[in-house]
Amino acid sequence: MAKRLIAQVAILHGNKQYQPGEELPKTDPAYASAWVEAGSAVWEDESDGAEEKPTKKKPAAKARPKTAPAGATGIAQPATGAEADLAGKVPSKKARGIIEEPSKRPPKSPA
């Protein structure tokens, strides 16, 4: 029985894009084993067309933003002085209580 390597996700290999369900080339066994191990491809028998299911699927990565979005108008943070109320906007340094340290450079001369 001949086996075919079938893509489960879109794979770019050899300057060609393989879509899910297309047969992948079996030229390099290192690529084939890496695709199968990652769950990107499965081996399928040509005669019956039954696909092997991956035994364990890795959970999808969840990203958390590092910064606040630009903000949308709304009442989320009380306005401090001249700032507008914006939902999702990081409050000013003064509102957060951050004390700025004096600069280590000497002041510019007025010359």
PDB file of N, CA and C in Angstrom:
ATOM      1  N   MET A   1       0.829  -1.175   0.000  1.00  0.00           N
ATOM      2  CA  MET A   1       0.000   0.000   0.000  1.00  0.00           C
ATOM      3  C   MET A   1       0.879   1.246   0.000  1.00  0.00           C
ATOM      4  N   ALA A   2       0.586   2.136  -0.907  1.00  0.00           N
ATOM      5  CA  ALA A   2       1.327   3.395  -0.961  1.00  0.00           C
ATOM      6  C   ALA A   2       0.652   4.415  -0.056  1.00  0.00           C
ATOM      7  N   LYS A   3       1.477   5.229   0.564  1.00  0.00           N
ATOM      8  CA  LYS A   3       0.937   6.261   1.444  1.00  0.00           C
ATOM      9  C   LYS A   3       1.188   7.627   0.825  1.00  0.00           C
ATOM     10  N   ARG A   4       0.240   8.527   1.083  1.00  0.00           N
ATOM     11  CA  ARG A   4       0.380   9.906   0.617  1.00  0.00           C
ATOM     12  C   ARG A   4       0.462  10.805   1.839  1.00  0.00           C
ATOM     13  N   LEU A   5       1.218  11.898   1.703  1.00  0.00           N
ATOM     14  CA  LEU A   5       1.318  12.887   2.775  1.00  0.00           C
ATOM     15  C   LEU A   5       0.372  14.024   2.418  1.00  0.00           C
ATOM     16  N   ILE A   6      -0.665  14.226   3.222  1.00  0.00           N
ATOM     17  CA  ILE A   6      -1.710  15.202   2.944  1.00  0.00           C
ATOM     18  C   ILE A   6      -1.599  16.373   3.912  1.00  0.00           C
ATOM     19  N   ALA A   7      -1.636  17.596   3.372  1.00  0.00           N
ATOM     20  CA  ALA A   7      -1.551  18.806   4.194  1.00  0.00           C
ATOM     21  C   ALA A   7      -2.846  19.019   4.955  1.00  0.00           C
ATOM     22  N   GLN A   8      -2.745  19.422   6.223  1.00  0.00           N
ATOM     23  CA  GLN A   8      -3.899  19.754   7.051  1.00  0.00           C
ATOM     24  C   GLN A   8      -4.081  21.267   7.161  1.00  0.00           C
ATOM     25  N   VAL A   9      -2.990  22.001   6.971  1.00  0.00           N
ATOM     26  CA  VAL A   9      -2.997  23.471   6.989  1.00  0.00           C
ATOM     27  C   VAL A   9      -2.216  23.937   5.769  1.00  0.00           C
ATOM     28  N   ALA A  10      -2.282  25.231   5.474  1.00  0.00           N
ATOM     29  CA  ALA A  10      -1.516  25.767   4.347  1.00  0.00           C
ATOM     30  C   ALA A  10      -0.025  25.676   4.662  1.00  0.00           C
ATOM     31  N   ILE A  11       0.755  25.117   3.730  1.00  0.00           N
ATOM     32  CA  ILE A  11       2.195  24.927   3.914  1.00  0.00           C
ATOM     33  C   ILE A  11       2.911  25.488   2.696  1.00  0.00           C
ATOM     34  N   LEU A  12       3.931  26.306   2.934  1.00  0.00           N
ATOM     35  CA  LEU A  12       4.781  26.825   1.862  1.00  0.00           C
ATOM     36  C   LEU A  12       6.046  25.995   1.859  1.00  0.00           C
ATOM     37  N   HIS A  13       6.290  25.286   0.763  1.00  0.00           N
ATOM     38  CA  HIS A  13       7.475  24.434   0.649  1.00  0.00           C
ATOM     39  C   HIS A  13       7.973  24.471  -0.782  1.00  0.00           C
ATOM     40  N   GLY A  14       9.247  24.690  -0.950  1.00  0.00           N
ATOM     41  CA  GLY A  14       9.837  24.686  -2.283  1.00  0.00           C
ATOM     42  C   GLY A  14       9.243  25.756  -3.178  1.00  0.00           C
ATOM     43  N   ASN A  15       8.938  26.917  -2.616  1.00  0.00           N
ATOM     44  CA  ASN A  15       8.388  28.054  -3.359  1.00  0.00           C
ATOM     45  C   ASN A  15       7.009  27.737  -3.943  1.00  0.00           C
ATOM     46  N   LYS A  16       6.290  26.811  -3.319  1.00  0.00           N
ATOM     47  CA  LYS A  16       4.926  26.476  -3.731  1.00  0.00           C
ATOM     48  C   LYS A  16       4.040  26.404  -2.501  1.00  0.00           C
ATOM     49  N   GLN A  17       2.840  26.963  -2.603  1.00  0.00           N
ATOM     50  CA  GLN A  17       1.884  26.957  -1.496  1.00  0.00           C
ATOM     51  C   GLN A  17       0.965  25.751  -1.639  1.00  0.00           C
ATOM     52  N   TYR A  18       0.962  24.874  -0.636  1.00  0.00           N
ATOM     53  CA  TYR A  18       0.086  23.701  -0.614  1.00  0.00           C
ATOM     54  C   TYR A  18      -1.089  24.012   0.308  1.00  0.00           C
ATOM     55  N   GLN A  19      -2.288  23.856  -0.179  1.00  0.00           N
ATOM     56  CA  GLN A  19      -3.500  24.115   0.586  1.00  0.00           C
ATOM     57  C   GLN A  19      -3.928  22.847   1.328  1.00  0.00           C
ATOM     58  N   PRO A  20      -4.766  22.979   2.368  1.00  0.00           N
ATOM     59  CA  PRO A  20      -5.234  21.787   3.080  1.00  0.00           C
ATOM     60  C   PRO A  20      -5.927  20.804   2.142  1.00  0.00           C
ATOM     61  N   GLY A  21      -5.572  19.531   2.273  1.00  0.00           N
ATOM     62  CA  GLY A  21      -6.134  18.482   1.423  1.00  0.00           C
ATOM     63  C   GLY A  21      -5.260  18.124   0.238  1.00  0.00           C
ATOM     64  N   GLU A  22      -4.265  18.951  -0.083  1.00  0.00           N
ATOM     65  CA  GLU A  22      -3.366  18.653  -1.205  1.00  0.00           C
ATOM     66  C   GLU A  22      -2.251  17.717  -0.753  1.00  0.00           C
ATOM     67  N   GLU A  23      -1.719  16.958  -1.717  1.00  0.00           N
ATOM     68  CA  GLU A  23      -0.629  16.032  -1.432  1.00  0.00           C
ATOM     69  C   GLU A  23       0.689  16.790  -1.388  1.00  0.00           C
ATOM     70  N   LEU A  24       1.482  16.520  -0.364  1.00  0.00           N
ATOM     71  CA  LEU A  24       2.787  17.154  -0.200  1.00  0.00           C
ATOM     72  C   LEU A  24       3.868  16.273  -0.815  1.00  0.00           C
ATOM     73  N   PRO A  25       4.983  16.867  -1.245  1.00  0.00           N
ATOM     74  CA  PRO A  25       6.072  16.044  -1.791  1.00  0.00           C
ATOM     75  C   PRO A  25       6.766  15.257  -0.680  1.00  0.00           C
ATOM     76  N   LYS A  26       7.219  14.058  -1.001  1.00  0.00           N
ATOM     77  CA  LYS A  26       7.892  13.201  -0.025  1.00  0.00           C
ATOM     78  C   LYS A  26       9.393  13.151  -0.294  1.00  0.00           C
ATOM     79  N   THR A  27       9.942  14.234  -0.826  1.00  0.00           N
ATOM     80  CA  THR A  27      11.357  14.233  -1.211  1.00  0.00           C
ATOM     81  C   THR A  27      12.284  14.186  -0.006  1.00  0.00           C
ATOM     82  N   ASP A  28      11.937  14.860   1.077  1.00  0.00           N
ATOM     83  CA  ASP A  28      12.804  14.923   2.248  1.00  0.00           C
ATOM     84  C   ASP A  28      12.062  14.367   3.459  1.00  0.00           C
ATOM     85  N   PRO A  29      12.514  13.229   4.002  1.00  0.00           N
ATOM     86  CA  PRO A  29      11.801  12.642   5.144  1.00  0.00           C
ATOM     87  C   PRO A  29      11.851  13.516   6.402  1.00  0.00           C
ATOM     88  N   ALA A  30      12.844  14.393   6.519  1.00  0.00           N
ATOM     89  CA  ALA A  30      12.919  15.270   7.690  1.00  0.00           C
ATOM     90  C   ALA A  30      11.742  16.240   7.700  1.00  0.00           C
ATOM     91  N   TYR A  31      11.410  16.785   6.535  1.00  0.00           N
ATOM     92  CA  TYR A  31      10.254  17.682   6.449  1.00  0.00           C
ATOM     93  C   TYR A  31       8.970  16.919   6.747  1.00  0.00           C
ATOM     94  N   ALA A  32       8.835  15.731   6.182  1.00  0.00           N
ATOM     95  CA  ALA A  32       7.615  14.940   6.367  1.00  0.00           C
ATOM     96  C   ALA A  32       7.396  14.622   7.838  1.00  0.00           C
ATOM     97  N   SER A  33       8.444  14.193   8.532  1.00  0.00           N
ATOM     98  CA  SER A  33       8.280  13.859   9.951  1.00  0.00           C
ATOM     99  C   SER A  33       7.985  15.109  10.779  1.00  0.00           C
ATOM    100  N   ALA A  34       8.565  16.254  10.421  1.00  0.00           N
ATOM    101  CA  ALA A  34       8.294  17.501  11.152  1.00  0.00           C
ATOM    102  C   ALA A  34       6.850  17.943  10.942  1.00  0.00           C
ATOM    103  N   TRP A  35       6.338  17.833   9.723  1.00  0.00           N
ATOM    104  CA  TRP A  35       4.950  18.214   9.439  1.00  0.00           C
ATOM    105  C   TRP A  35       3.972  17.323  10.207  1.00  0.00           C
ATOM    106  N   VAL A  36       4.242  16.029  10.230  1.00  0.00           N
ATOM    107  CA  VAL A  36       3.351  15.093  10.918  1.00  0.00           C
ATOM    108  C   VAL A  36       3.412  15.342  12.424  1.00  0.00           C
ATOM    109  N   GLU A  37       4.606  15.566  12.952  1.00  0.00           N
ATOM    110  CA  GLU A  37       4.761  15.806  14.392  1.00  0.00           C
ATOM    111  C   GLU A  37       4.056  17.090  14.827  1.00  0.00           C
ATOM    112  N   ALA A  38       4.075  18.119  13.968  1.00  0.00           N
ATOM    113  CA  ALA A  38       3.436  19.390  14.303  1.00  0.00           C
ATOM    114  C   ALA A  38       1.934  19.375  14.055  1.00  0.00           C
ATOM    115  N   GLY A  39       1.442  18.339  13.400  1.00  0.00           N
ATOM    116  CA  GLY A  39       0.013  18.267  13.107  1.00  0.00           C
ATOM    117  C   GLY A  39      -0.370  19.015  11.841  1.00  0.00           C
ATOM    118  N   SER A  40       0.630  19.406  11.034  1.00  0.00           N
ATOM    119  CA  SER A  40       0.365  20.127   9.797  1.00  0.00           C
ATOM    120  C   SER A  40       0.035  19.197   8.641  1.00  0.00           C
ATOM    121  N   ALA A  41       0.381  17.911   8.773  1.00  0.00           N
ATOM    122  CA  ALA A  41       0.119  16.943   7.707  1.00  0.00           C
ATOM    123  C   ALA A  41      -0.131  15.574   8.334  1.00  0.00           C
ATOM    124  N   VAL A  42      -0.790  14.711   7.575  1.00  0.00           N
ATOM    125  CA  VAL A  42      -1.044  13.340   8.017  1.00  0.00           C
ATOM    126  C   VAL A  42      -0.758  12.387   6.861  1.00  0.00           C
ATOM    127  N   TRP A  43      -0.437  11.149   7.221  1.00  0.00           N
ATOM    128  CA  TRP A  43      -0.245  10.108   6.214  1.00  0.00           C
ATOM    129  C   TRP A  43      -1.598   9.485   5.907  1.00  0.00           C
ATOM    130  N   GLU A  44      -1.846   9.232   4.624  1.00  0.00           N
ATOM    131  CA  GLU A  44      -3.115   8.653   4.186  1.00  0.00           C
ATOM    132  C   GLU A  44      -2.825   7.530   3.205  1.00  0.00           C
ATOM    133  N   ASP A  45      -3.544   6.403   3.340  1.00  0.00           N
ATOM    134  CA  ASP A  45      -3.425   5.309   2.379  1.00  0.00           C
ATOM    135  C   ASP A  45      -4.143   5.706   1.101  1.00  0.00           C
ATOM    136  N   GLU A  46      -3.543   5.387  -0.035  1.00  0.00           N
ATOM    137  CA  GLU A  46      -4.164   5.739  -1.318  1.00  0.00           C
ATOM    138  C   GLU A  46      -5.432   4.941  -1.563  1.00  0.00           C
ATOM    139  N   SER A  47      -5.502   3.695  -1.077  1.00  0.00           N
ATOM    140  CA  SER A  47      -6.633   2.838  -1.408  1.00  0.00           C
ATOM    141  C   SER A  47      -7.927   3.260  -0.731  1.00  0.00           C
ATOM    142  N   ASP A  48      -7.886   3.523   0.601  1.00  0.00           N
ATOM    143  CA  ASP A  48      -9.141   3.796   1.275  1.00  0.00           C
ATOM    144  C   ASP A  48      -9.414   5.290   1.475  1.00  0.00           C
ATOM    145  N   GLY A  49      -8.403   6.141   1.456  1.00  0.00           N
ATOM    146  CA  GLY A  49      -8.605   7.578   1.612  1.00  0.00           C
ATOM    147  C   GLY A  49      -8.889   7.999   3.040  1.00  0.00           C
ATOM    148  N   ALA A  50      -8.726   7.083   3.997  1.00  0.00           N
ATOM    149  CA  ALA A  50      -8.955   7.429   5.400  1.00  0.00           C
ATOM    150  C   ALA A  50      -7.725   8.147   5.943  1.00  0.00           C
ATOM    151  N   GLU A  51      -7.966   9.262   6.619  1.00  0.00           N
ATOM    152  CA  GLU A  51      -6.860  10.043   7.156  1.00  0.00           C
ATOM    153  C   GLU A  51      -6.574   9.628   8.588  1.00  0.00           C
ATOM    154  N   GLU A  52      -5.309   9.703   8.963  1.00  0.00           N
ATOM    155  CA  GLU A  52      -4.937   9.470  10.345  1.00  0.00           C
ATOM    156  C   GLU A  52      -5.141  10.769  11.106  1.00  0.00           C
ATOM    157  N   LYS A  53      -5.784  10.677  12.232  1.00  0.00           N
ATOM    158  CA  LYS A  53      -6.026  11.862  13.044  1.00  0.00           C
ATOM    159  C   LYS A  53      -4.845  12.069  13.990  1.00  0.00           C
ATOM    160  N   PRO A  54      -4.432  13.313  14.198  1.00  0.00           N
ATOM    161  CA  PRO A  54      -3.380  13.541  15.188  1.00  0.00           C
ATOM    162  C   PRO A  54      -3.872  13.151  16.578  1.00  0.00           C
ATOM    163  N   THR A  55      -3.023  12.521  17.358  1.00  0.00           N
ATOM    164  CA  THR A  55      -3.447  12.022  18.653  1.00  0.00           C
ATOM    165  C   THR A  55      -3.645  13.146  19.662  1.00  0.00           C
ATOM    166  N   LYS A  56      -2.775  14.122  19.651  1.00  0.00           N
ATOM    167  CA  LYS A  56      -2.883  15.202  20.616  1.00  0.00           C
ATOM    168  C   LYS A  56      -2.685  16.530  19.901  1.00  0.00           C
ATOM    169  N   LYS A  57      -3.648  17.421  20.061  1.00  0.00           N
ATOM    170  CA  LYS A  57      -3.557  18.716  19.415  1.00  0.00           C
ATOM    171  C   LYS A  57      -3.046  19.737  20.421  1.00  0.00           C
ATOM    172  N   LYS A  58      -2.079  20.539  19.988  1.00  0.00           N
ATOM    173  CA  LYS A  58      -1.523  21.552  20.869  1.00  0.00           C
ATOM    174  C   LYS A  58      -2.527  22.690  21.035  1.00  0.00           C
ATOM    175  N   PRO A  59      -2.629  23.258  22.234  1.00  0.00           N
ATOM    176  CA  PRO A  59      -3.538  24.390  22.407  1.00  0.00           C
ATOM    177  C   PRO A  59      -3.012  25.615  21.674  1.00  0.00           C
ATOM    178  N   ALA A  60      -3.935  26.407  21.191  1.00  0.00           N
ATOM    179  CA  ALA A  60      -3.550  27.606  20.458  1.00  0.00           C
ATOM    180  C   ALA A  60      -2.932  28.615  21.421  1.00  0.00           C
ATOM    181  N   ALA A  61      -1.964  29.361  20.922  1.00  0.00           N
ATOM    182  CA  ALA A  61      -1.321  30.382  21.738  1.00  0.00           C
ATOM    183  C   ALA A  61      -2.278  31.546  21.953  1.00  0.00           C
ATOM    184  N   LYS A  62      -2.271  32.071  23.156  1.00  0.00           N
ATOM    185  CA  LYS A  62      -3.133  33.200  23.475  1.00  0.00           C
ATOM    186  C   LYS A  62      -2.240  34.410  23.720  1.00  0.00           C
ATOM    187  N   ALA A  63      -2.491  35.462  22.984  1.00  0.00           N
ATOM    188  CA  ALA A  63      -1.687  36.669  23.118  1.00  0.00           C
ATOM    189  C   ALA A  63      -2.404  37.693  23.983  1.00  0.00           C
ATOM    190  N   ARG A  64      -1.639  38.386  24.785  1.00  0.00           N
ATOM    191  CA  ARG A  64      -2.181  39.484  25.568  1.00  0.00           C
ATOM    192  C   ARG A  64      -1.464  40.759  25.139  1.00  0.00           C
ATOM    193  N   PRO A  65      -2.189  41.833  24.928  1.00  0.00           N
ATOM    194  CA  PRO A  65      -1.534  43.065  24.502  1.00  0.00           C
ATOM    195  C   PRO A  65      -0.640  43.620  25.607  1.00  0.00           C
ATOM    196  N   LYS A  66       0.499  44.183  25.203  1.00  0.00           N
ATOM    197  CA  LYS A  66       1.418  44.777  26.155  1.00  0.00           C
ATOM    198  C   LYS A  66       1.065  46.232  26.437  1.00  0.00           C
ATOM    199  N   THR A  67       0.389  46.886  25.514  1.00  0.00           N
ATOM    200  CA  THR A  67       0.026  48.287  25.692  1.00  0.00           C
ATOM    201  C   THR A  67      -1.470  48.449  25.540  1.00  0.00           C
ATOM    202  N   ALA A  68      -1.964  49.541  26.055  1.00  0.00           N
ATOM    203  CA  ALA A  68      -3.383  49.816  25.931  1.00  0.00           C
ATOM    204  C   ALA A  68      -3.685  50.317  24.524  1.00  0.00           C
ATOM    205  N   PRO A  69      -4.861  50.014  24.004  1.00  0.00           N
ATOM    206  CA  PRO A  69      -5.220  50.545  22.692  1.00  0.00           C
ATOM    207  C   PRO A  69      -5.394  52.057  22.746  1.00  0.00           C
ATOM    208  N   ALA A  70      -5.500  52.672  21.599  1.00  0.00           N
ATOM    209  CA  ALA A  70      -5.594  54.127  21.529  1.00  0.00           C
ATOM    210  C   ALA A  70      -6.784  54.644  22.300  1.00  0.00           C
ATOM    211  N   GLY A  71      -7.847  53.927  22.344  1.00  0.00           N
ATOM    212  CA  GLY A  71      -8.983  54.305  23.164  1.00  0.00           C
ATOM    213  C   GLY A  71     -10.157  54.781  22.352  1.00  0.00           C
ATOM    214  N   ALA A  72     -11.308  54.620  22.906  1.00  0.00           N
ATOM    215  CA  ALA A  72     -12.546  55.098  22.319  1.00  0.00           C
ATOM    216  C   ALA A  72     -13.233  55.960  23.367  1.00  0.00           C
ATOM    217  N   THR A  73     -13.986  56.945  22.916  1.00  0.00           N
ATOM    218  CA  THR A  73     -14.640  57.820  23.880  1.00  0.00           C
ATOM    219  C   THR A  73     -15.607  57.032  24.739  1.00  0.00           C
ATOM    220  N   GLY A  74     -15.612  57.358  25.997  1.00  0.00           N
ATOM    221  CA  GLY A  74     -16.469  56.678  26.942  1.00  0.00           C
ATOM    222  C   GLY A  74     -16.099  57.102  28.340  1.00  0.00           C
ATOM    223  N   ILE A  75     -16.815  56.607  29.313  1.00  0.00           N
ATOM    224  CA  ILE A  75     -16.532  56.966  30.696  1.00  0.00           C
ATOM    225  C   ILE A  75     -15.900  55.752  31.355  1.00  0.00           C
ATOM    226  N   ALA A  76     -14.581  55.688  31.341  1.00  0.00           N
ATOM    227  CA  ALA A  76     -13.881  54.577  31.952  1.00  0.00           C
ATOM    228  C   ALA A  76     -12.910  55.078  33.009  1.00  0.00           C
ATOM    229  N   GLN A  77     -12.178  56.128  32.712  1.00  0.00           N
ATOM    230  CA  GLN A  77     -11.231  56.729  33.636  1.00  0.00           C
ATOM    231  C   GLN A  77     -11.641  58.173  33.868  1.00  0.00           C
ATOM    232  N   PRO A  78     -11.606  58.643  35.087  1.00  0.00           N
ATOM    233  CA  PRO A  78     -11.942  60.056  35.280  1.00  0.00           C
ATOM    234  C   PRO A  78     -10.887  60.944  34.628  1.00  0.00           C
ATOM    235  N   ALA A  79     -11.336  61.999  33.995  1.00  0.00           N
ATOM    236  CA  ALA A  79     -10.414  62.909  33.328  1.00  0.00           C
ATOM    237  C   ALA A  79      -9.554  63.621  34.366  1.00  0.00           C
ATOM    238  N   THR A  80      -8.281  63.765  34.058  1.00  0.00           N
ATOM    239  CA  THR A  80      -7.365  64.483  34.945  1.00  0.00           C
ATOM    240  C   THR A  80      -6.896  65.724  34.207  1.00  0.00           C
ATOM    241  N   GLY A  81      -7.490  66.840  34.492  1.00  0.00           N
ATOM    242  CA  GLY A  81      -7.061  68.086  33.868  1.00  0.00           C
ATOM    243  C   GLY A  81      -7.549  68.198  32.442  1.00  0.00           C
ATOM    244  N   ALA A  82      -6.625  68.376  31.500  1.00  0.00           N
ATOM    245  CA  ALA A  82      -6.962  68.623  30.110  1.00  0.00           C
ATOM    246  C   ALA A  82      -7.239  67.344  29.323  1.00  0.00           C
ATOM    247  N   GLU A  83      -7.034  66.189  29.925  1.00  0.00           N
ATOM    248  CA  GLU A  83      -7.228  64.934  29.193  1.00  0.00           C
ATOM    249  C   GLU A  83      -8.715  64.599  29.091  1.00  0.00           C
ATOM    250  N   ALA A  84      -9.092  63.984  27.993  1.00  0.00           N
ATOM    251  CA  ALA A  84     -10.478  63.563  27.787  1.00  0.00           C
ATOM    252  C   ALA A  84     -10.676  62.170  28.377  1.00  0.00           C
ATOM    253  N   ASP A  85     -11.937  61.826  28.640  1.00  0.00           N
ATOM    254  CA  ASP A  85     -12.247  60.478  29.092  1.00  0.00           C
ATOM    255  C   ASP A  85     -12.135  59.538  27.899  1.00  0.00           C
ATOM    256  N   LEU A  86     -11.195  58.589  27.955  1.00  0.00           N
ATOM    257  CA  LEU A  86     -11.049  57.605  26.890  1.00  0.00           C
ATOM    258  C   LEU A  86     -11.001  56.217  27.514  1.00  0.00           C
ATOM    259  N   ALA A  87     -11.798  55.323  26.983  1.00  0.00           N
ATOM    260  CA  ALA A  87     -11.797  53.944  27.456  1.00  0.00           C
ATOM    261  C   ALA A  87     -10.606  53.228  26.843  1.00  0.00           C
ATOM    262  N   GLY A  88      -9.789  52.586  27.661  1.00  0.00           N
ATOM    263  CA  GLY A  88      -8.644  51.838  27.154  1.00  0.00           C
ATOM    264  C   GLY A  88      -7.389  52.665  27.004  1.00  0.00           C
ATOM    265  N   LYS A  89      -7.422  53.935  27.336  1.00  0.00           N
ATOM    266  CA  LYS A  89      -6.233  54.771  27.215  1.00  0.00           C
ATOM    267  C   LYS A  89      -5.466  54.746  28.530  1.00  0.00           C
ATOM    268  N   VAL A  90      -4.155  54.631  28.453  1.00  0.00           N
ATOM    269  CA  VAL A  90      -3.317  54.646  29.637  1.00  0.00           C
ATOM    270  C   VAL A  90      -3.339  56.049  30.224  1.00  0.00           C
ATOM    271  N   PRO A  91      -3.603  56.178  31.523  1.00  0.00           N
ATOM    272  CA  PRO A  91      -3.606  57.513  32.121  1.00  0.00           C
ATOM    273  C   PRO A  91      -2.221  58.156  32.041  1.00  0.00           C
ATOM    274  N   SER A  92      -2.198  59.460  32.189  1.00  0.00           N
ATOM    275  CA  SER A  92      -0.929  60.182  32.107  1.00  0.00           C
ATOM    276  C   SER A  92      -0.008  59.754  33.245  1.00  0.00           C
ATOM    277  N   LYS A  93       1.283  60.081  33.119  1.00  0.00           N
ATOM    278  CA  LYS A  93       2.240  59.720  34.152  1.00  0.00           C
ATOM    279  C   LYS A  93       1.860  60.364  35.480  1.00  0.00           C
ATOM    280  N   LYS A  94       1.361  61.586  35.420  1.00  0.00           N
ATOM    281  CA  LYS A  94       0.976  62.296  36.640  1.00  0.00           C
ATOM    282  C   LYS A  94      -0.185  61.573  37.328  1.00  0.00           C
ATOM    283  N   ALA A  95      -1.172  61.121  36.548  1.00  0.00           N
ATOM    284  CA  ALA A  95      -2.320  60.430  37.118  1.00  0.00           C
ATOM    285  C   ALA A  95      -1.922  59.068  37.683  1.00  0.00           C
ATOM    286  N   ARG A  96      -0.908  58.444  37.117  1.00  0.00           N
ATOM    287  CA  ARG A  96      -0.453  57.148  37.616  1.00  0.00           C
ATOM    288  C   ARG A  96       0.503  57.282  38.788  1.00  0.00           C
ATOM    289  N   GLY A  97       0.938  58.525  39.083  1.00  0.00           N
ATOM    290  CA  GLY A  97       1.821  58.738  40.223  1.00  0.00           C
ATOM    291  C   GLY A  97       3.284  58.503  39.923  1.00  0.00           C
ATOM    292  N   ILE A  98       3.670  58.558  38.644  1.00  0.00           N
ATOM    293  CA  ILE A  98       5.063  58.369  38.277  1.00  0.00           C
ATOM    294  C   ILE A  98       5.798  59.690  38.444  1.00  0.00           C
ATOM    295  N   ILE A  99       6.890  59.652  39.196  1.00  0.00           N
ATOM    296  CA  ILE A  99       7.693  60.852  39.414  1.00  0.00           C
ATOM    297  C   ILE A  99       8.860  60.806  38.445  1.00  0.00           C
ATOM    298  N   GLU A 100       8.976  61.826  37.621  1.00  0.00           N
ATOM    299  CA  GLU A 100      10.073  61.877  36.658  1.00  0.00           C
ATOM    300  C   GLU A 100      11.352  62.310  37.355  1.00  0.00           C
ATOM    301  N   GLU A 101      12.413  61.601  37.075  1.00  0.00           N
ATOM    302  CA  GLU A 101      13.703  61.943  37.661  1.00  0.00           C
ATOM    303  C   GLU A 101      14.327  63.076  36.865  1.00  0.00           C
ATOM    304  N   PRO A 102      15.121  63.909  37.524  1.00  0.00           N
ATOM    305  CA  PRO A 102      15.773  64.985  36.786  1.00  0.00           C
ATOM    306  C   PRO A 102      16.767  64.430  35.775  1.00  0.00           C
ATOM    307  N   SER A 103      16.960  65.153  34.707  1.00  0.00           N
ATOM    308  CA  SER A 103      17.866  64.721  33.645  1.00  0.00           C
ATOM    309  C   SER A 103      19.302  64.740  34.149  1.00  0.00           C
ATOM    310  N   LYS A 104      20.112  63.823  33.664  1.00  0.00           N
ATOM    311  CA  LYS A 104      21.522  63.764  34.064  1.00  0.00           C
ATOM    312  C   LYS A 104      22.366  64.725  33.240  1.00  0.00           C
ATOM    313  N   ARG A 105      21.803  65.254  32.175  1.00  0.00           N
ATOM    314  CA  ARG A 105      22.532  66.214  31.348  1.00  0.00           C
ATOM    315  C   ARG A 105      22.394  67.607  31.937  1.00  0.00           C
ATOM    316  N   PRO A 106      23.419  68.414  31.773  1.00  0.00           N
ATOM    317  CA  PRO A 106      23.279  69.815  32.223  1.00  0.00           C
ATOM    318  C   PRO A 106      22.331  70.555  31.284  1.00  0.00           C
ATOM    319  N   PRO A 107      21.656  71.572  31.798  1.00  0.00           N
ATOM    320  CA  PRO A 107      20.742  72.336  30.937  1.00  0.00           C
ATOM    321  C   PRO A 107      21.480  73.039  29.804  1.00  0.00           C
ATOM    322  N   LYS A 108      20.796  73.242  28.675  1.00  0.00           N
ATOM    323  CA  LYS A 108      21.416  73.906  27.526  1.00  0.00           C
ATOM    324  C   LYS A 108      21.673  75.366  27.868  1.00  0.00           C
ATOM    325  N   SER A 109      22.773  75.878  27.363  1.00  0.00           N
ATOM    326  CA  SER A 109      23.078  77.279  27.614  1.00  0.00           C
ATOM    327  C   SER A 109      22.270  78.138  26.666  1.00  0.00           C
ATOM    328  N   PRO A 110      21.840  79.312  27.100  1.00  0.00           N
ATOM    329  CA  PRO A 110      21.005  80.175  26.249  1.00  0.00           C
ATOM    330  C   PRO A 110      21.806  80.937  25.199  1.00  0.00           C
ATOM    331  N   ALA A 111      22.924  80.442  24.763  1.00  0.00           N
ATOM    332  CA  ALA A 111      23.770  81.174  23.819  1.00  0.00           C
ATOM    333  C   ALA A 111      23.317  81.087  22.406  1.00  0.00           C
TER     334      ALA A 111
END
